Amino acid sequence: MSRFYRYKLPPWARNCLVVCENVTLPLLIFQAIRTIFFPTTFDVLLCGILLGIYLAFYLKWI
């Protein structure tokens, strides 16, 4: 199994990853606040998905 290196990607793909990485935290904070005030099943699910994506970027899995 080969390891994923983001620097082997084309420049446009690396830029896309950087943008996603920078946008994830503000979206997660907004979604967490929204989930606190309007807790629907969709909001909780979306908050969990965003949290997973943020942790993947934070722990350098992506």
C-alpha atoms as a PDB file:
ATOM      1  CA  MET A   1       0.000   0.000   0.000  1.00  0.00           C
ATOM      2  CA  SER A   2       1.547   3.276  -1.082  1.00  0.00           C
ATOM      3  CA  ARG A   3       1.413   6.327   1.101  1.00  0.00           C
ATOM      4  CA  PHE A   4      -0.458   9.423  -0.097  1.00  0.00           C
ATOM      5  CA  TYR A   5       1.864  12.361  -0.735  1.00  0.00           C
ATOM      6  CA  ARG A   6       0.118  15.613  -1.505  1.00  0.00           C
ATOM      7  CA  TYR A   7       3.264  17.043  -3.113  1.00  0.00           C
ATOM      8  CA  LYS A   8       3.153  14.445  -5.904  1.00  0.00           C
ATOM      9  CA  LEU A   9      -0.188  15.848  -7.044  1.00  0.00           C
ATOM     10  CA  PRO A  10      -0.521  18.381  -9.866  1.00  0.00           C
ATOM     11  CA  PRO A  11      -0.499  22.039  -8.754  1.00  0.00           C
ATOM     12  CA  TRP A  12      -4.238  22.510  -9.332  1.00  0.00           C
ATOM     13  CA  ALA A  13      -5.025  19.520  -7.088  1.00  0.00           C
ATOM     14  CA  ARG A  14      -2.707  20.798  -4.348  1.00  0.00           C
ATOM     15  CA  ASN A  15      -4.391  24.207  -4.520  1.00  0.00           C
ATOM     16  CA  CYS A  16      -7.772  22.524  -4.214  1.00  0.00           C
ATOM     17  CA  LEU A  17      -6.600  20.653  -1.096  1.00  0.00           C
ATOM     18  CA  VAL A  18      -5.236  23.847   0.462  1.00  0.00           C
ATOM     19  CA  VAL A  19      -8.514  25.685  -0.164  1.00  0.00           C
ATOM     20  CA  CYS A  20     -10.524  22.788   1.302  1.00  0.00           C
ATOM     21  CA  GLU A  21      -8.225  22.674   4.313  1.00  0.00           C
ATOM     22  CA  ASN A  22      -8.618  26.408   4.967  1.00  0.00           C
ATOM     23  CA  VAL A  23     -12.408  26.434   4.501  1.00  0.00           C
ATOM     24  CA  THR A  24     -13.164  23.387   6.652  1.00  0.00           C
ATOM     25  CA  LEU A  25     -12.682  24.994  10.089  1.00  0.00           C
ATOM     26  CA  PRO A  26     -14.963  28.029   9.537  1.00  0.00           C
ATOM     27  CA  LEU A  27     -17.635  25.748   8.058  1.00  0.00           C
ATOM     28  CA  LEU A  28     -17.300  23.386  11.021  1.00  0.00           C
ATOM     29  CA  ILE A  29     -17.690  26.243  13.515  1.00  0.00           C
ATOM     30  CA  PHE A  30     -20.729  27.606  11.680  1.00  0.00           C
ATOM     31  CA  GLN A  31     -22.306  24.157  11.462  1.00  0.00           C
ATOM     32  CA  ALA A  32     -21.643  23.455  15.158  1.00  0.00           C
ATOM     33  CA  ILE A  33     -23.374  26.702  16.159  1.00  0.00           C
ATOM     34  CA  ARG A  34     -26.266  25.914  13.825  1.00  0.00           C
ATOM     35  CA  THR A  35     -26.514  22.389  15.262  1.00  0.00           C
ATOM     36  CA  ILE A  36     -26.670  23.759  18.811  1.00  0.00           C
ATOM     37  CA  PHE A  37     -29.591  26.061  17.978  1.00  0.00           C
ATOM     38  CA  PHE A  38     -31.447  23.955  15.361  1.00  0.00           C
ATOM     39  CA  PRO A  39     -30.574  20.296  16.001  1.00  0.00           C
ATOM     40  CA  THR A  40     -31.952  18.305  13.090  1.00  0.00           C
ATOM     41  CA  THR A  41     -30.699  14.922  11.951  1.00  0.00           C
ATOM     42  CA  PHE A  42     -29.170  16.440   8.825  1.00  0.00           C
ATOM     43  CA  ASP A  43     -27.316  19.113  10.826  1.00  0.00           C
ATOM     44  CA  VAL A  44     -25.846  16.561  13.224  1.00  0.00           C
ATOM     45  CA  LEU A  45     -24.798  14.310  10.328  1.00  0.00           C
ATOM     46  CA  LEU A  46     -23.233  17.221   8.428  1.00  0.00           C
ATOM     47  CA  CYS A  47     -21.417  18.392  11.558  1.00  0.00           C
ATOM     48  CA  GLY A  48     -20.001  14.888  12.040  1.00  0.00           C
ATOM     49  CA  ILE A  49     -18.822  14.706   8.441  1.00  0.00           C
ATOM     50  CA  LEU A  50     -17.163  18.119   8.666  1.00  0.00           C
ATOM     51  CA  LEU A  51     -15.516  17.132  11.938  1.00  0.00           C
ATOM     52  CA  GLY A  52     -14.134  13.978  10.313  1.00  0.00           C
ATOM     53  CA  ILE A  53     -12.769  15.950   7.359  1.00  0.00           C
ATOM     54  CA  TYR A  54     -11.219  18.538   9.668  1.00  0.00           C
ATOM     55  CA  LEU A  55      -9.558  15.835  11.783  1.00  0.00           C
ATOM     56  CA  ALA A  56      -8.238  14.136   8.640  1.00  0.00           C
ATOM     57  CA  PHE A  57      -6.572  17.398   7.574  1.00  0.00           C
ATOM     58  CA  TYR A  58      -5.349  18.147  11.103  1.00  0.00           C
ATOM     59  CA  LEU A  59      -3.797  14.708  11.573  1.00  0.00           C
ATOM     60  CA  LYS A  60      -2.266  14.861   8.064  1.00  0.00           C
ATOM     61  CA  TRP A  61      -4.231  11.865   6.757  1.00  0.00           C
ATOM     62  CA  ILE A  62      -5.080  13.895   3.664  1.00  0.00           C
END
